[in-house]
Protein backbone atom coordinates (compact mmCIF):
# COMPACT_ATOMS: atom_id res chain seq x y z
CA MET A 1 43.28 192.09 95.72
CA ARG A 2 45.58 191.89 92.71
CA ASP A 3 48.15 194.50 91.96
CA ARG A 4 47.74 196.61 88.87
CA ASP A 5 51.02 195.35 87.31
CA ASP A 6 50.57 191.68 88.25
CA PHE A 7 49.65 189.84 85.07
CA GLY A 8 50.34 186.30 86.22
CA LEU A 9 52.65 183.75 84.65
CA PRO A 10 53.75 184.09 81.03
CA GLU A 11 52.05 181.89 78.47
CA GLN A 12 53.62 178.44 78.34
CA ARG A 13 52.06 177.12 75.13
CA ALA A 14 51.32 179.31 72.13
CA SER A 15 48.68 178.25 69.65
CA THR A 16 49.86 178.20 66.03
CA GLY A 17 46.53 177.22 64.49
CA LEU A 18 45.34 180.71 63.56
CA PRO A 19 48.56 181.98 61.92
CA LEU A 20 49.00 178.76 59.96
CA SER A 21 45.40 178.74 58.81
CA VAL A 22 45.64 182.38 57.69
CA MET A 23 48.80 181.60 55.70
CA LEU A 24 47.23 178.50 54.14
CA VAL A 25 44.05 180.34 53.14
CA SER A 26 46.15 183.18 51.69
CA MET A 27 48.25 180.76 49.64
CA LEU A 28 45.18 178.95 48.34
CA THR A 29 43.53 182.25 47.44
CA ILE A 30 46.59 183.34 45.46
CA VAL A 31 46.77 180.00 43.62
CA VAL A 32 43.08 180.13 42.70
CA TYR A 33 43.47 183.76 41.58
CA LEU A 34 46.39 182.84 39.31
CA LEU A 35 44.60 179.81 37.85
CA VAL A 36 41.39 181.71 37.14
CA GLY A 37 43.29 184.69 35.71
CA GLY A 38 45.34 182.38 33.52
CA ALA A 39 42.21 180.67 32.22
CA PHE A 40 40.61 184.00 31.31
CA SER A 41 43.74 185.49 29.75
CA ASN A 42 44.44 182.47 27.53
CA ASN A 43 42.41 183.45 24.47
CA GLY A 44 43.96 180.84 22.18
CA SER A 45 46.35 183.09 20.30
CA GLY A 46 49.53 181.14 20.79
CA VAL A 47 51.01 182.24 17.45
CA VAL A 48 53.64 184.94 17.68
CA ALA A 49 54.90 186.89 14.66
CA VAL A 50 58.27 188.62 14.70
CA TYR A 51 58.95 191.23 12.06
CA VAL A 52 62.62 191.89 11.32
CA PRO A 53 63.44 195.28 9.79
CA GLN A 54 64.80 194.97 6.28
CA GLN A 55 67.77 196.96 5.03
CA THR A 56 67.21 199.44 2.24
CA ASP A 57 69.69 200.85 -0.27
CA ALA A 58 69.81 204.16 1.59
CA GLU A 59 71.23 202.44 4.69
CA HIS A 60 74.19 200.99 2.75
CA ARG A 61 75.58 204.41 1.74
């Protein structure tokens, strides 16, 4: 009969497949999200107008 606190030998080889696959799927999901969001947010208005305030005569006094 085994003792209650006897768990056997520690693990000798750890599998890295699951953590790496989760990280890879997460990265791909983020890239796809950014590409799709960028495609939808680009509505073709690439022209930017900057309006500079003009001085009036009252500001010179």
